[in-house]
Amino acid sequence: MPGTFDDLTMRAFDIAEEVGGPYRPVLALLTDCISADHGREELRQRRGASFKQLAYIAGMARFTKEERQEWYGIAEFIPLSERHASHLIDRLKKGAR
């Protein structure tokens, strides 16, 4: 299991390559998600992403019902942090996908 935020981010890229499909471009949006060393952002990178965040990402990415179920499993397997999820939401809102 990866130990640092940067390790988790790298793991997300590795898993994106393995699973491909619609998850790959979404997880690729983490390329500019850098770690924080203090404050609220540092706390957010130590907490797991919420189901609500993951569902919002799935909706924005227009995942099918089946893809959503797989997405939740992928996010748990990585595991994505609250900060990762927030970054993905911000990037998807800006139309980065």
Protein backbone atom coordinates (compact mmCIF):
# COMPACT_ATOMS: atom_id res chain seq x y z
CA MET A 1 0.00 0.00 0.00
CA PRO A 2 1.44 3.39 -0.94
CA GLY A 3 2.44 5.54 2.00
CA THR A 4 2.35 9.13 0.79
CA PHE A 5 -0.01 11.30 -1.19
CA ASP A 6 2.43 11.33 -4.10
CA ASP A 7 2.62 7.52 -3.95
CA LEU A 8 -1.19 7.34 -4.14
CA THR A 9 -1.21 9.72 -7.09
CA MET A 10 1.35 7.56 -8.92
CA ARG A 11 -0.70 4.47 -8.08
CA ALA A 12 -3.75 6.17 -9.64
CA PHE A 13 -1.78 6.65 -12.88
CA ASP A 14 -0.64 3.02 -12.87
CA ILE A 15 -4.16 1.74 -12.30
CA ALA A 16 -5.51 4.08 -15.00
CA GLU A 17 -3.13 2.44 -17.46
CA GLU A 18 -4.28 -1.03 -16.37
CA VAL A 19 -8.05 -0.43 -16.44
CA GLY A 20 -8.17 2.02 -19.35
CA GLY A 21 -11.67 2.75 -20.61
CA PRO A 22 -13.44 5.89 -19.45
CA TYR A 23 -11.46 5.92 -16.18
CA ARG A 24 -8.10 6.60 -17.77
CA PRO A 25 -8.80 10.20 -18.92
CA VAL A 26 -10.46 11.02 -15.61
CA LEU A 27 -7.55 9.76 -13.51
CA ALA A 28 -5.11 11.47 -15.90
CA LEU A 29 -6.51 14.78 -14.64
CA LEU A 30 -4.47 14.21 -11.49
CA THR A 31 -1.24 15.12 -13.30
CA ASP A 32 -1.10 18.56 -11.72
CA CYS A 33 -2.39 17.52 -8.30
CA ILE A 34 0.59 18.21 -6.06
CA SER A 35 0.93 17.37 -2.39
CA ALA A 36 0.55 19.91 0.40
CA ASP A 37 2.68 19.89 3.51
CA HIS A 38 0.39 21.75 5.90
CA GLY A 39 -3.07 23.15 6.51
CA ARG A 40 -6.49 22.05 5.38
CA GLU A 41 -5.24 20.65 2.06
CA GLU A 42 -2.76 18.41 3.86
CA LEU A 43 -5.58 17.04 6.01
CA ARG A 44 -7.74 16.43 2.93
CA GLN A 45 -5.05 14.33 1.30
CA ARG A 46 -5.02 12.01 4.33
CA ARG A 47 -8.79 11.41 4.28
CA GLY A 48 -10.46 9.08 1.82
CA ALA A 49 -12.75 10.42 -0.88
CA SER A 50 -16.42 10.40 0.07
CA PHE A 51 -19.04 8.45 -1.83
CA LYS A 52 -20.74 11.77 -2.61
CA GLN A 53 -17.55 13.10 -4.25
CA LEU A 54 -17.07 9.90 -6.25
CA ALA A 55 -20.70 9.91 -7.39
CA TYR A 56 -20.36 13.54 -8.47
CA ILE A 57 -17.25 12.71 -10.50
CA ALA A 58 -19.04 9.74 -12.10
CA GLY A 59 -21.95 11.98 -13.06
CA MET A 60 -19.69 14.67 -14.52
CA ALA A 61 -17.75 12.02 -16.45
CA ARG A 62 -21.06 10.58 -17.70
CA PHE A 63 -20.29 7.05 -16.56
CA THR A 64 -22.97 4.44 -17.18
CA LYS A 65 -24.47 2.60 -14.21
CA GLU A 66 -22.04 -0.27 -14.72
CA GLU A 67 -19.09 2.10 -15.11
CA ARG A 68 -20.07 3.88 -11.90
CA GLN A 69 -19.91 0.63 -9.96
CA GLU A 70 -16.47 -0.10 -11.36
CA TRP A 71 -15.39 3.50 -10.67
CA TYR A 72 -16.25 3.15 -6.98
CA GLY A 73 -14.17 -0.03 -6.80
CA ILE A 74 -11.23 1.61 -8.58
CA ALA A 75 -11.36 4.64 -6.28
CA GLU A 76 -11.38 2.37 -3.24
CA PHE A 77 -8.57 0.20 -4.60
CA ILE A 78 -6.22 3.16 -5.22
CA PRO A 79 -7.44 4.61 -2.63
CA LEU A 80 -8.34 8.12 -3.80
CA SER A 81 -8.13 10.83 -1.16
CA GLU A 82 -10.58 13.63 -0.53
CA ARG A 83 -8.04 15.97 -2.09
CA HIS A 84 -7.74 13.82 -5.23
CA ALA A 85 -11.51 13.80 -5.61
CA SER A 86 -11.76 17.54 -5.09
CA HIS A 87 -9.07 18.10 -7.72
CA LEU A 88 -10.90 15.86 -10.20
CA ILE A 89 -14.16 17.71 -9.60
CA ASP A 90 -12.46 21.07 -10.16
CA ARG A 91 -10.81 19.89 -13.37
CA LEU A 92 -14.02 18.32 -14.70
CA LYS A 93 -15.94 21.52 -13.95
CA LYS A 94 -13.38 23.44 -16.01
CA GLY A 95 -13.99 21.05 -18.90
CA ALA A 96 -10.57 19.45 -18.81
CA ARG A 97 -11.88 16.10 -19.99
